[in-house]
């Protein structure tokens, strides 16, 4: 299982805005990183089929109240809070700031996998 962190600055939470921004960023990734995406059950990906059509990335959703199905996501969220506290004003972060944070988090995942974890 590959662990890769991608943080995308979006101007709104509505599904069309999120899908468009995420699609733009995902299309720039190497093919090996564009196989699937596991998403929480939030409404932001209500148009997940249009995301899959635009990117050829399959979207999977976890069952309700089943955080164990998204262990990597939960771990990433916890690590992310070191850089972006829960109530942080995200408007003050540029995409380049988010890219730097994502790179650091991806590096943490690489070390974790090197130690024999999946």
PDB file of N, CA and C in Angstrom:
ATOM      1  N   UNK A   1       0.851  -1.167   0.000  1.00  0.00           N
ATOM      2  CA  UNK A   1       0.000   0.000   0.000  1.00  0.00           C
ATOM      3  C   UNK A   1       0.904   1.240   0.000  1.00  0.00           C
ATOM      4  N   UNK A   2       0.690   2.128  -0.915  1.00  0.00           N
ATOM      5  CA  UNK A   2       1.456   3.371  -0.968  1.00  0.00           C
ATOM      6  C   UNK A   2       0.783   4.414  -0.091  1.00  0.00           C
ATOM      7  N   UNK A   3       1.598   5.196   0.573  1.00  0.00           N
ATOM      8  CA  UNK A   3       1.071   6.310   1.354  1.00  0.00           C
ATOM      9  C   UNK A   3       1.642   7.576   0.765  1.00  0.00           C
ATOM     10  N   UNK A   4       0.764   8.402   0.295  1.00  0.00           N
ATOM     11  CA  UNK A   4       1.180   9.649  -0.323  1.00  0.00           C
ATOM     12  C   UNK A   4       0.222  10.725   0.130  1.00  0.00           C
ATOM     13  N   UNK A   5       0.750  11.835   0.571  1.00  0.00           N
ATOM     14  CA  UNK A   5      -0.081  12.923   1.067  1.00  0.00           C
ATOM     15  C   UNK A   5      -0.132  14.039   0.031  1.00  0.00           C
ATOM     16  N   UNK A   6      -1.321  14.455  -0.315  1.00  0.00           N
ATOM     17  CA  UNK A   6      -1.548  15.572  -1.224  1.00  0.00           C
ATOM     18  C   UNK A   6      -2.514  16.524  -0.527  1.00  0.00           C
ATOM     19  N   UNK A   7      -2.079  17.766  -0.337  1.00  0.00           N
ATOM     20  CA  UNK A   7      -2.928  18.792   0.275  1.00  0.00           C
ATOM     21  C   UNK A   7      -3.254  19.817  -0.801  1.00  0.00           C
ATOM     22  N   UNK A   8      -4.517  20.091  -0.979  1.00  0.00           N
ATOM     23  CA  UNK A   8      -4.952  21.002  -2.042  1.00  0.00           C
ATOM     24  C   UNK A   8      -5.737  22.156  -1.431  1.00  0.00           C
ATOM     25  N   UNK A   9      -5.290  23.359  -1.724  1.00  0.00           N
ATOM     26  CA  UNK A   9      -6.014  24.560  -1.271  1.00  0.00           C
ATOM     27  C   UNK A   9      -7.234  24.731  -2.166  1.00  0.00           C
ATOM     28  N   UNK A  10      -8.393  24.832  -1.540  1.00  0.00           N
ATOM     29  CA  UNK A  10      -9.633  25.014  -2.296  1.00  0.00           C
ATOM     30  C   UNK A  10     -10.346  26.264  -1.794  1.00  0.00           C
ATOM     31  N   UNK A  11     -10.977  27.012  -2.700  1.00  0.00           N
ATOM     32  CA  UNK A  11     -11.652  28.239  -2.293  1.00  0.00           C
ATOM     33  C   UNK A  11     -13.018  28.017  -1.625  1.00  0.00           C
ATOM     34  N   UNK A  12     -13.518  26.780  -1.639  1.00  0.00           N
ATOM     35  CA  UNK A  12     -14.819  26.496  -1.022  1.00  0.00           C
ATOM     36  C   UNK A  12     -14.964  25.016  -0.745  1.00  0.00           C
ATOM     37  N   UNK A  13     -16.000  24.645   0.008  1.00  0.00           N
ATOM     38  CA  UNK A  13     -16.217  23.250   0.374  1.00  0.00           C
ATOM     39  C   UNK A  13     -17.245  22.552  -0.507  1.00  0.00           C
ATOM     40  N   UNK A  14     -17.877  23.300  -1.416  1.00  0.00           N
ATOM     41  CA  UNK A  14     -18.909  22.663  -2.244  1.00  0.00           C
ATOM     42  C   UNK A  14     -18.267  21.632  -3.167  1.00  0.00           C
ATOM     43  N   UNK A  15     -19.045  20.631  -3.536  1.00  0.00           N
ATOM     44  CA  UNK A  15     -18.516  19.493  -4.286  1.00  0.00           C
ATOM     45  C   UNK A  15     -17.885  19.889  -5.621  1.00  0.00           C
ATOM     46  N   UNK A  16     -18.477  20.817  -6.350  1.00  0.00           N
ATOM     47  CA  UNK A  16     -17.919  21.205  -7.654  1.00  0.00           C
ATOM     48  C   UNK A  16     -16.535  21.842  -7.497  1.00  0.00           C
ATOM     49  N   UNK A  17     -16.374  22.677  -6.497  1.00  0.00           N
ATOM     50  CA  UNK A  17     -15.095  23.344  -6.247  1.00  0.00           C
ATOM     51  C   UNK A  17     -14.035  22.338  -5.824  1.00  0.00           C
ATOM     52  N   UNK A  18     -14.393  21.440  -4.904  1.00  0.00           N
ATOM     53  CA  UNK A  18     -13.446  20.441  -4.412  1.00  0.00           C
ATOM     54  C   UNK A  18     -13.045  19.492  -5.523  1.00  0.00           C
ATOM     55  N   UNK A  19     -14.004  19.000  -6.285  1.00  0.00           N
ATOM     56  CA  UNK A  19     -13.703  18.061  -7.378  1.00  0.00           C
ATOM     57  C   UNK A  19     -12.817  18.718  -8.430  1.00  0.00           C
ATOM     58  N   UNK A  20     -13.092  19.952  -8.787  1.00  0.00           N
ATOM     59  CA  UNK A  20     -12.286  20.650  -9.797  1.00  0.00           C
ATOM     60  C   UNK A  20     -10.848  20.852  -9.317  1.00  0.00           C
ATOM     61  N   UNK A  21     -10.675  21.324  -8.092  1.00  0.00           N
ATOM     62  CA  UNK A  21      -9.331  21.575  -7.558  1.00  0.00           C
ATOM     63  C   UNK A  21      -8.554  20.273  -7.396  1.00  0.00           C
ATOM     64  N   UNK A  22      -9.203  19.276  -6.844  1.00  0.00           N
ATOM     65  CA  UNK A  22      -8.541  17.990  -6.643  1.00  0.00           C
ATOM     66  C   UNK A  22      -8.180  17.346  -7.982  1.00  0.00           C
ATOM     67  N   UNK A  23      -9.065  17.440  -8.948  1.00  0.00           N
ATOM     68  CA  UNK A  23      -8.797  16.880 -10.279  1.00  0.00           C
ATOM     69  C   UNK A  23      -7.572  17.522 -10.916  1.00  0.00           C
ATOM     70  N   UNK A  24      -7.475  18.847 -10.827  1.00  0.00           N
ATOM     71  CA  UNK A  24      -6.315  19.558 -11.397  1.00  0.00           C
ATOM     72  C   UNK A  24      -5.008  19.050 -10.805  1.00  0.00           C
ATOM     73  N   UNK A  25      -4.985  18.877  -9.497  1.00  0.00           N
ATOM     74  CA  UNK A  25      -3.759  18.439  -8.832  1.00  0.00           C
ATOM     75  C   UNK A  25      -3.456  16.973  -9.091  1.00  0.00           C
ATOM     76  N   UNK A  26      -4.463  16.144  -9.048  1.00  0.00           N
ATOM     77  CA  UNK A  26      -4.256  14.701  -9.221  1.00  0.00           C
ATOM     78  C   UNK A  26      -3.766  14.376 -10.631  1.00  0.00           C
ATOM     79  N   UNK A  27      -4.251  15.084 -11.622  1.00  0.00           N
ATOM     80  CA  UNK A  27      -3.814  14.819 -13.006  1.00  0.00           C
ATOM     81  C   UNK A  27      -2.323  15.076 -13.198  1.00  0.00           C
ATOM     82  N   UNK A  28      -1.703  15.830 -12.312  1.00  0.00           N
ATOM     83  CA  UNK A  28      -0.272  16.116 -12.413  1.00  0.00           C
ATOM     84  C   UNK A  28       0.595  15.033 -11.770  1.00  0.00           C
ATOM     85  N   UNK A  29      -0.010  14.120 -11.057  1.00  0.00           N
ATOM     86  CA  UNK A  29       0.740  13.073 -10.365  1.00  0.00           C
ATOM     87  C   UNK A  29       1.161  11.961 -11.324  1.00  0.00           C
ATOM     88  N   UNK A  30       2.246  11.250 -11.011  1.00  0.00           N
ATOM     89  CA  UNK A  30       2.624  10.080 -11.805  1.00  0.00           C
ATOM     90  C   UNK A  30       1.518   9.025 -11.751  1.00  0.00           C
ATOM     91  N   UNK A  31       1.411   8.229 -12.787  1.00  0.00           N
ATOM     92  CA  UNK A  31       0.343   7.224 -12.887  1.00  0.00           C
ATOM     93  C   UNK A  31       0.309   6.285 -11.678  1.00  0.00           C
ATOM     94  N   UNK A  32       1.452   5.953 -11.136  1.00  0.00           N
ATOM     95  CA  UNK A  32       1.508   5.023  -9.999  1.00  0.00           C
ATOM     96  C   UNK A  32       0.782   5.572  -8.769  1.00  0.00           C
ATOM     97  N   UNK A  33       0.638   6.882  -8.692  1.00  0.00           N
ATOM     98  CA  UNK A  33      -0.043   7.496  -7.549  1.00  0.00           C
ATOM     99  C   UNK A  33      -1.496   7.837  -7.851  1.00  0.00           C
ATOM    100  N   UNK A  34      -1.963   7.472  -9.029  1.00  0.00           N
ATOM    101  CA  UNK A  34      -3.322   7.832  -9.434  1.00  0.00           C
ATOM    102  C   UNK A  34      -4.224   6.613  -9.592  1.00  0.00           C
ATOM    103  N   UNK A  35      -4.103   5.642  -8.725  1.00  0.00           N
ATOM    104  CA  UNK A  35      -4.931   4.453  -8.870  1.00  0.00           C
ATOM    105  C   UNK A  35      -6.227   4.527  -8.087  1.00  0.00           C
ATOM    106  N   UNK A  36      -6.153   4.999  -6.850  1.00  0.00           N
ATOM    107  CA  UNK A  36      -7.373   5.071  -6.041  1.00  0.00           C
ATOM    108  C   UNK A  36      -7.225   6.131  -4.962  1.00  0.00           C
ATOM    109  N   UNK A  37      -8.368   6.505  -4.428  1.00  0.00           N
ATOM    110  CA  UNK A  37      -8.452   7.507  -3.373  1.00  0.00           C
ATOM    111  C   UNK A  37      -9.508   7.037  -2.382  1.00  0.00           C
ATOM    112  N   UNK A  38      -9.156   7.030  -1.104  1.00  0.00           N
ATOM    113  CA  UNK A  38     -10.136   6.685  -0.077  1.00  0.00           C
ATOM    114  C   UNK A  38     -10.589   7.981   0.567  1.00  0.00           C
ATOM    115  N   UNK A  39     -11.894   8.196   0.568  1.00  0.00           N
ATOM    116  CA  UNK A  39     -12.465   9.452   1.041  1.00  0.00           C
ATOM    117  C   UNK A  39     -13.382   9.182   2.205  1.00  0.00           C
ATOM    118  N   UNK A  40     -13.410  10.126   3.125  1.00  0.00           N
ATOM    119  CA  UNK A  40     -14.370  10.068   4.210  1.00  0.00           C
ATOM    120  C   UNK A  40     -15.759  10.244   3.581  1.00  0.00           C
ATOM    121  N   UNK A  41     -16.791  10.149   4.324  1.00  0.00           N
ATOM    122  CA  UNK A  41     -18.136  10.210   3.763  1.00  0.00           C
ATOM    123  C   UNK A  41     -18.666  11.637   3.646  1.00  0.00           C
ATOM    124  N   UNK A  42     -17.786  12.620   3.612  1.00  0.00           N
ATOM    125  CA  UNK A  42     -18.212  14.010   3.486  1.00  0.00           C
ATOM    126  C   UNK A  42     -18.853  14.299   2.135  1.00  0.00           C
ATOM    127  N   UNK A  43     -19.674  15.331   2.096  1.00  0.00           N
ATOM    128  CA  UNK A  43     -20.390  15.700   0.872  1.00  0.00           C
ATOM    129  C   UNK A  43     -19.492  16.301  -0.201  1.00  0.00           C
ATOM    130  N   UNK A  44     -18.235  16.621   0.151  1.00  0.00           N
ATOM    131  CA  UNK A  44     -17.337  17.249  -0.811  1.00  0.00           C
ATOM    132  C   UNK A  44     -17.132  16.388  -2.054  1.00  0.00           C
ATOM    133  N   UNK A  45     -17.255  15.092  -1.915  1.00  0.00           N
ATOM    134  CA  UNK A  45     -17.030  14.202  -3.053  1.00  0.00           C
ATOM    135  C   UNK A  45     -18.340  13.587  -3.558  1.00  0.00           C
ATOM    136  N   UNK A  46     -19.434  14.293  -3.393  1.00  0.00           N
ATOM    137  CA  UNK A  46     -20.715  13.796  -3.892  1.00  0.00           C
ATOM    138  C   UNK A  46     -20.658  13.551  -5.399  1.00  0.00           C
ATOM    139  N   UNK A  47     -19.831  14.318  -6.092  1.00  0.00           N
ATOM    140  CA  UNK A  47     -19.661  14.136  -7.540  1.00  0.00           C
ATOM    141  C   UNK A  47     -18.410  13.308  -7.841  1.00  0.00           C
ATOM    142  N   UNK A  48     -18.199  12.273  -7.038  1.00  0.00           N
ATOM    143  CA  UNK A  48     -17.004  11.450  -7.208  1.00  0.00           C
ATOM    144  C   UNK A  48     -16.921  10.793  -8.571  1.00  0.00           C
ATOM    145  N   UNK A  49     -18.060  10.535  -9.195  1.00  0.00           N
ATOM    146  CA  UNK A  49     -18.033   9.919 -10.533  1.00  0.00           C
ATOM    147  C   UNK A  49     -17.412  10.876 -11.551  1.00  0.00           C
ATOM    148  N   UNK A  50     -17.698  12.163 -11.433  1.00  0.00           N
ATOM    149  CA  UNK A  50     -17.089  13.124 -12.366  1.00  0.00           C
ATOM    150  C   UNK A  50     -15.589  13.245 -12.092  1.00  0.00           C
ATOM    151  N   UNK A  51     -15.183  13.113 -10.823  1.00  0.00           N
ATOM    152  CA  UNK A  51     -13.751  13.098 -10.489  1.00  0.00           C
ATOM    153  C   UNK A  51     -13.081  11.897 -11.141  1.00  0.00           C
ATOM    154  N   UNK A  52     -13.699  10.723 -11.022  1.00  0.00           N
ATOM    155  CA  UNK A  52     -13.133   9.507 -11.623  1.00  0.00           C
ATOM    156  C   UNK A  52     -13.059   9.637 -13.136  1.00  0.00           C
ATOM    157  N   UNK A  53     -14.080  10.208 -13.753  1.00  0.00           N
ATOM    158  CA  UNK A  53     -14.063  10.395 -15.214  1.00  0.00           C
ATOM    159  C   UNK A  53     -12.935  11.348 -15.625  1.00  0.00           C
ATOM    160  N   UNK A  54     -12.699  12.388 -14.852  1.00  0.00           N
ATOM    161  CA  UNK A  54     -11.693  13.395 -15.191  1.00  0.00           C
ATOM    162  C   UNK A  54     -10.269  12.916 -14.928  1.00  0.00           C
ATOM    163  N   UNK A  55     -10.107  11.980 -13.987  1.00  0.00           N
ATOM    164  CA  UNK A  55      -8.755  11.608 -13.555  1.00  0.00           C
ATOM    165  C   UNK A  55      -8.420  10.132 -13.732  1.00  0.00           C
ATOM    166  N   UNK A  56      -9.419   9.308 -13.976  1.00  0.00           N
ATOM    167  CA  UNK A  56      -9.264   7.852 -14.029  1.00  0.00           C
ATOM    168  C   UNK A  56      -8.801   7.287 -12.682  1.00  0.00           C
ATOM    169  N   UNK A  57      -9.147   7.992 -11.598  1.00  0.00           N
ATOM    170  CA  UNK A  57      -8.835   7.552 -10.241  1.00  0.00           C
ATOM    171  C   UNK A  57     -10.134   7.073  -9.600  1.00  0.00           C
ATOM    172  N   UNK A  58     -10.130   5.843  -9.134  1.00  0.00           N
ATOM    173  CA  UNK A  58     -11.313   5.288  -8.480  1.00  0.00           C
ATOM    174  C   UNK A  58     -11.402   5.810  -7.052  1.00  0.00           C
ATOM    175  N   UNK A  59     -12.605   6.173  -6.647  1.00  0.00           N
ATOM    176  CA  UNK A  59     -12.830   6.711  -5.301  1.00  0.00           C
ATOM    177  C   UNK A  59     -13.568   5.659  -4.478  1.00  0.00           C
ATOM    178  N   UNK A  60     -13.044   5.405  -3.298  1.00  0.00           N
ATOM    179  CA  UNK A  60     -13.666   4.464  -2.379  1.00  0.00           C
ATOM    180  C   UNK A  60     -14.092   5.215  -1.127  1.00  0.00           C
ATOM    181  N   UNK A  61     -15.215   4.811  -0.566  1.00  0.00           N
ATOM    182  CA  UNK A  61     -15.741   5.436   0.642  1.00  0.00           C
ATOM    183  C   UNK A  61     -15.771   4.413   1.764  1.00  0.00           C
ATOM    184  N   UNK A  62     -15.475   4.864   2.956  1.00  0.00           N
ATOM    185  CA  UNK A  62     -15.531   4.007   4.132  1.00  0.00           C
ATOM    186  C   UNK A  62     -16.969   3.905   4.620  1.00  0.00           C
ATOM    187  N   UNK A  63     -17.238   2.846   5.315  1.00  0.00           N
ATOM    188  CA  UNK A  63     -18.553   2.696   5.922  1.00  0.00           C
ATOM    189  C   UNK A  63     -18.711   3.712   7.045  1.00  0.00           C
ATOM    190  N   UNK A  64     -19.953   4.148   7.325  1.00  0.00           N
ATOM    191  CA  UNK A  64     -20.176   5.099   8.422  1.00  0.00           C
ATOM    192  C   UNK A  64     -19.680   4.544   9.759  1.00  0.00           C
ATOM    193  N   UNK A  65     -19.163   5.425  10.598  1.00  0.00           N
ATOM    194  CA  UNK A  65     -18.657   5.077  11.923  1.00  0.00           C
ATOM    195  C   UNK A  65     -17.663   3.906  11.879  1.00  0.00           C
ATOM    196  N   UNK A  66     -16.780   3.899  10.868  1.00  0.00           N
ATOM    197  CA  UNK A  66     -15.789   2.829  10.728  1.00  0.00           C
ATOM    198  C   UNK A  66     -14.398   3.403  10.490  1.00  0.00           C
ATOM    199  N   UNK A  67     -13.856   4.144  11.456  1.00  0.00           N
ATOM    200  CA  UNK A  67     -12.558   4.784  11.251  1.00  0.00           C
ATOM    201  C   UNK A  67     -11.422   3.801  10.998  1.00  0.00           C
ATOM    202  N   UNK A  68     -11.561   2.546  11.427  1.00  0.00           N
ATOM    203  CA  UNK A  68     -10.514   1.555  11.188  1.00  0.00           C
ATOM    204  C   UNK A  68     -10.347   1.253   9.707  1.00  0.00           C
ATOM    205  N   UNK A  69     -11.346   1.591   8.891  1.00  0.00           N
ATOM    206  CA  UNK A  69     -11.232   1.373   7.448  1.00  0.00           C
ATOM    207  C   UNK A  69     -10.378   2.443   6.785  1.00  0.00           C
ATOM    208  N   UNK A  70     -10.035   3.469   7.509  1.00  0.00           N
ATOM    209  CA  UNK A  70      -9.228   4.542   6.954  1.00  0.00           C
ATOM    210  C   UNK A  70      -8.090   4.899   7.902  1.00  0.00           C
ATOM    211  N   UNK A  71      -7.363   3.861   8.304  1.00  0.00           N
ATOM    212  CA  UNK A  71      -6.269   4.028   9.246  1.00  0.00           C
ATOM    213  C   UNK A  71      -5.215   5.014   8.779  1.00  0.00           C
ATOM    214  N   UNK A  72      -4.838   4.934   7.500  1.00  0.00           N
ATOM    215  CA  UNK A  72      -3.833   5.876   6.974  1.00  0.00           C
ATOM    216  C   UNK A  72      -4.356   7.299   7.035  1.00  0.00           C
ATOM    217  N   UNK A  73      -5.626   7.491   6.717  1.00  0.00           N
ATOM    218  CA  UNK A  73      -6.211   8.828   6.760  1.00  0.00           C
ATOM    219  C   UNK A  73      -6.205   9.381   8.183  1.00  0.00           C
ATOM    220  N   UNK A  74      -6.584   8.544   9.135  1.00  0.00           N
ATOM    221  CA  UNK A  74      -6.632   8.990  10.528  1.00  0.00           C
ATOM    222  C   UNK A  74      -5.225   9.335  11.025  1.00  0.00           C
ATOM    223  N   UNK A  75      -4.246   8.513  10.666  1.00  0.00           N
ATOM    224  CA  UNK A  75      -2.865   8.772  11.066  1.00  0.00           C
ATOM    225  C   UNK A  75      -2.367  10.072  10.430  1.00  0.00           C
ATOM    226  N   UNK A  76      -2.668  10.265   9.156  1.00  0.00           N
ATOM    227  CA  UNK A  76      -2.252  11.482   8.453  1.00  0.00           C
ATOM    228  C   UNK A  76      -2.890  12.707   9.091  1.00  0.00           C
ATOM    229  N   UNK A  77      -4.170  12.619   9.425  1.00  0.00           N
ATOM    230  CA  UNK A  77      -4.852  13.743  10.073  1.00  0.00           C
ATOM    231  C   UNK A  77      -4.170  14.113  11.387  1.00  0.00           C
ATOM    232  N   UNK A  78      -3.775  13.109  12.153  1.00  0.00           N
ATOM    233  CA  UNK A  78      -3.107  13.375  13.421  1.00  0.00           C
ATOM    234  C   UNK A  78      -1.758  14.058  13.183  1.00  0.00           C
ATOM    235  N   UNK A  79      -0.991  13.577  12.206  1.00  0.00           N
ATOM    236  CA  UNK A  79       0.298  14.194  11.885  1.00  0.00           C
ATOM    237  C   UNK A  79       0.103  15.609  11.336  1.00  0.00           C
ATOM    238  N   UNK A  80      -0.926  15.797  10.553  1.00  0.00           N
ATOM    239  CA  UNK A  80      -1.216  17.094   9.939  1.00  0.00           C
ATOM    240  C   UNK A  80      -1.479  18.167  10.990  1.00  0.00           C
ATOM    241  N   UNK A  81      -2.074  17.782  12.113  1.00  0.00           N
ATOM    242  CA  UNK A  81      -2.399  18.737  13.175  1.00  0.00           C
ATOM    243  C   UNK A  81      -1.151  19.374  13.786  1.00  0.00           C
ATOM    244  N   UNK A  82       0.026  18.764  13.576  1.00  0.00           N
ATOM    245  CA  UNK A  82       1.277  19.369  14.038  1.00  0.00           C
ATOM    246  C   UNK A  82       1.556  20.662  13.277  1.00  0.00           C
ATOM    247  N   UNK A  83       1.102  20.723  12.037  1.00  0.00           N
ATOM    248  CA  UNK A  83       1.346  21.871  11.165  1.00  0.00           C
ATOM    249  C   UNK A  83       0.127  22.782  11.044  1.00  0.00           C
ATOM    250  N   UNK A  84      -1.046  22.170  11.056  1.00  0.00           N
ATOM    251  CA  UNK A  84      -2.298  22.906  10.881  1.00  0.00           C
ATOM    252  C   UNK A  84      -3.255  22.534  12.011  1.00  0.00           C
ATOM    253  N   UNK A  85      -3.206  23.272  13.106  1.00  0.00           N
ATOM    254  CA  UNK A  85      -4.121  22.963  14.215  1.00  0.00           C
ATOM    255  C   UNK A  85      -5.583  23.034  13.758  1.00  0.00           C
ATOM    256  N   UNK A  86      -6.452  22.340  14.459  1.00  0.00           N
ATOM    257  CA  UNK A  86      -7.862  22.241  14.067  1.00  0.00           C
ATOM    258  C   UNK A  86      -8.520  23.581  13.751  1.00  0.00           C
ATOM    259  N   UNK A  87      -8.283  24.582  14.514  1.00  0.00           N
ATOM    260  CA  UNK A  87      -8.968  25.862  14.300  1.00  0.00           C
ATOM    261  C   UNK A  87      -8.091  26.876  13.574  1.00  0.00           C
ATOM    262  N   UNK A  88      -7.071  26.400  12.884  1.00  0.00           N
ATOM    263  CA  UNK A  88      -6.161  27.296  12.166  1.00  0.00           C
ATOM    264  C   UNK A  88      -6.893  28.008  11.029  1.00  0.00           C
ATOM    265  N   UNK A  89      -6.506  29.222  10.760  1.00  0.00           N
ATOM    266  CA  UNK A  89      -7.042  29.984   9.645  1.00  0.00           C
ATOM    267  C   UNK A  89      -6.313  29.522   8.372  1.00  0.00           C
ATOM    268  N   UNK A  90      -6.937  28.649   7.625  1.00  0.00           N
ATOM    269  CA  UNK A  90      -6.291  28.060   6.452  1.00  0.00           C
ATOM    270  C   UNK A  90      -6.115  29.041   5.302  1.00  0.00           C
ATOM    271  N   UNK A  91      -6.796  30.169   5.347  1.00  0.00           N
ATOM    272  CA  UNK A  91      -6.651  31.150   4.266  1.00  0.00           C
ATOM    273  C   UNK A  91      -5.263  31.770   4.252  1.00  0.00           C
ATOM    274  N   UNK A  92      -4.555  31.692   5.359  1.00  0.00           N
ATOM    275  CA  UNK A  92      -3.219  32.292   5.401  1.00  0.00           C
ATOM    276  C   UNK A  92      -2.136  31.385   4.827  1.00  0.00           C
ATOM    277  N   UNK A  93      -2.498  30.169   4.431  1.00  0.00           N
ATOM    278  CA  UNK A  93      -1.546  29.227   3.847  1.00  0.00           C
ATOM    279  C   UNK A  93      -1.665  29.235   2.329  1.00  0.00           C
ATOM    280  N   UNK A  94      -0.548  29.371   1.656  1.00  0.00           N
ATOM    281  CA  UNK A  94      -0.507  29.290   0.198  1.00  0.00           C
ATOM    282  C   UNK A  94      -0.382  27.817  -0.203  1.00  0.00           C
ATOM    283  N   UNK A  95      -0.644  27.524  -1.477  1.00  0.00           N
ATOM    284  CA  UNK A  95      -0.490  26.152  -1.945  1.00  0.00           C
ATOM    285  C   UNK A  95       0.943  25.674  -1.724  1.00  0.00           C
ATOM    286  N   UNK A  96       1.917  26.554  -1.874  1.00  0.00           N
ATOM    287  CA  UNK A  96       3.320  26.160  -1.658  1.00  0.00           C
ATOM    288  C   UNK A  96       3.558  25.736  -0.203  1.00  0.00           C
ATOM    289  N   UNK A  97       2.880  26.374   0.742  1.00  0.00           N
ATOM    290  CA  UNK A  97       2.977  25.968   2.152  1.00  0.00           C
ATOM    291  C   UNK A  97       2.408  24.558   2.326  1.00  0.00           C
ATOM    292  N   UNK A  98       1.253  24.318   1.718  1.00  0.00           N
ATOM    293  CA  UNK A  98       0.619  23.006   1.811  1.00  0.00           C
ATOM    294  C   UNK A  98       1.473  21.935   1.145  1.00  0.00           C
ATOM    295  N   UNK A  99       2.105  22.282   0.013  1.00  0.00           N
ATOM    296  CA  UNK A  99       2.990  21.330  -0.674  1.00  0.00           C
ATOM    297  C   UNK A  99       4.157  20.931   0.225  1.00  0.00           C
ATOM    298  N   UNK A 100       4.735  21.901   0.937  1.00  0.00           N
ATOM    299  CA  UNK A 100       5.863  21.625   1.833  1.00  0.00           C
ATOM    300  C   UNK A 100       5.427  20.714   2.982  1.00  0.00           C
ATOM    301  N   UNK A 101       4.248  20.961   3.531  1.00  0.00           N
ATOM    302  CA  UNK A 101       3.729  20.120   4.613  1.00  0.00           C
ATOM    303  C   UNK A 101       3.474  18.713   4.095  1.00  0.00           C
ATOM    304  N   UNK A 102       2.864  18.600   2.932  1.00  0.00           N
ATOM    305  CA  UNK A 102       2.566  17.286   2.353  1.00  0.00           C
ATOM    306  C   UNK A 102       3.850  16.498   2.104  1.00  0.00           C
ATOM    307  N   UNK A 103       4.882  17.171   1.629  1.00  0.00           N
ATOM    308  CA  UNK A 103       6.164  16.513   1.387  1.00  0.00           C
ATOM    309  C   UNK A 103       6.740  15.957   2.684  1.00  0.00           C
ATOM    310  N   UNK A 104       6.642  16.732   3.750  1.00  0.00           N
ATOM    311  CA  UNK A 104       7.127  16.251   5.053  1.00  0.00           C
ATOM    312  C   UNK A 104       6.309  15.053   5.530  1.00  0.00           C
ATOM    313  N   UNK A 105       4.985  15.106   5.349  1.00  0.00           N
ATOM    314  CA  UNK A 105       4.140  13.997   5.785  1.00  0.00           C
ATOM    315  C   UNK A 105       4.379  12.752   4.943  1.00  0.00           C
ATOM    316  N   UNK A 106       4.624  12.910   3.655  1.00  0.00           N
ATOM    317  CA  UNK A 106       4.925  11.769   2.797  1.00  0.00           C
ATOM    318  C   UNK A 106       6.245  11.144   3.240  1.00  0.00           C
ATOM    319  N   UNK A 107       7.212  11.974   3.621  1.00  0.00           N
ATOM    320  CA  UNK A 107       8.482  11.465   4.132  1.00  0.00           C
ATOM    321  C   UNK A 107       8.309  10.659   5.402  1.00  0.00           C
ATOM    322  N   UNK A 108       7.415  11.095   6.286  1.00  0.00           N
ATOM    323  CA  UNK A 108       7.120  10.342   7.505  1.00  0.00           C
ATOM    324  C   UNK A 108       6.551   8.976   7.133  1.00  0.00           C
ATOM    325  N   UNK A 109       5.676   8.917   6.144  1.00  0.00           N
ATOM    326  CA  UNK A 109       5.094   7.644   5.710  1.00  0.00           C
ATOM    327  C   UNK A 109       6.170   6.737   5.125  1.00  0.00           C
ATOM    328  N   UNK A 110       7.122   7.309   4.391  1.00  0.00           N
ATOM    329  CA  UNK A 110       8.212   6.513   3.819  1.00  0.00           C
ATOM    330  C   UNK A 110       9.034   5.852   4.924  1.00  0.00           C
ATOM    331  N   UNK A 111       9.341   6.601   5.977  1.00  0.00           N
ATOM    332  CA  UNK A 111      10.095   6.055   7.099  1.00  0.00           C
ATOM    333  C   UNK A 111       9.289   4.961   7.783  1.00  0.00           C
ATOM    334  N   UNK A 112       8.003   5.207   7.967  1.00  0.00           N
ATOM    335  CA  UNK A 112       7.101   4.239   8.611  1.00  0.00           C
ATOM    336  C   UNK A 112       7.104   2.938   7.825  1.00  0.00           C
ATOM    337  N   UNK A 113       6.976   3.012   6.479  1.00  0.00           N
ATOM    338  CA  UNK A 113       6.961   1.812   5.646  1.00  0.00           C
ATOM    339  C   UNK A 113       8.318   1.120   5.668  1.00  0.00           C
ATOM    340  N   UNK A 114       9.406   1.857   5.689  1.00  0.00           N
ATOM    341  CA  UNK A 114      10.742   1.273   5.709  1.00  0.00           C
ATOM    342  C   UNK A 114      10.959   0.431   6.966  1.00  0.00           C
ATOM    343  N   UNK A 115      10.224   0.753   8.014  1.00  0.00           N
ATOM    344  CA  UNK A 115      10.349   0.006   9.267  1.00  0.00           C
ATOM    345  C   UNK A 115       9.470  -1.249   9.260  1.00  0.00           C
ATOM    346  N   UNK A 116       8.877  -1.568   8.121  1.00  0.00           N
ATOM    347  CA  UNK A 116       8.115  -2.804   8.004  1.00  0.00           C
ATOM    348  C   UNK A 116       6.624  -2.679   8.220  1.00  0.00           C
ATOM    349  N   UNK A 117       6.110  -1.467   8.351  1.00  0.00           N
ATOM    350  CA  UNK A 117       4.666  -1.280   8.524  1.00  0.00           C
ATOM    351  C   UNK A 117       4.017  -1.187   7.147  1.00  0.00           C
ATOM    352  N   UNK A 118       2.755  -1.554   7.075  1.00  0.00           N
ATOM    353  CA  UNK A 118       2.022  -1.455   5.799  1.00  0.00           C
ATOM    354  C   UNK A 118       1.149  -0.254   5.788  1.00  0.00           C
TER     355      UNK A 118
END
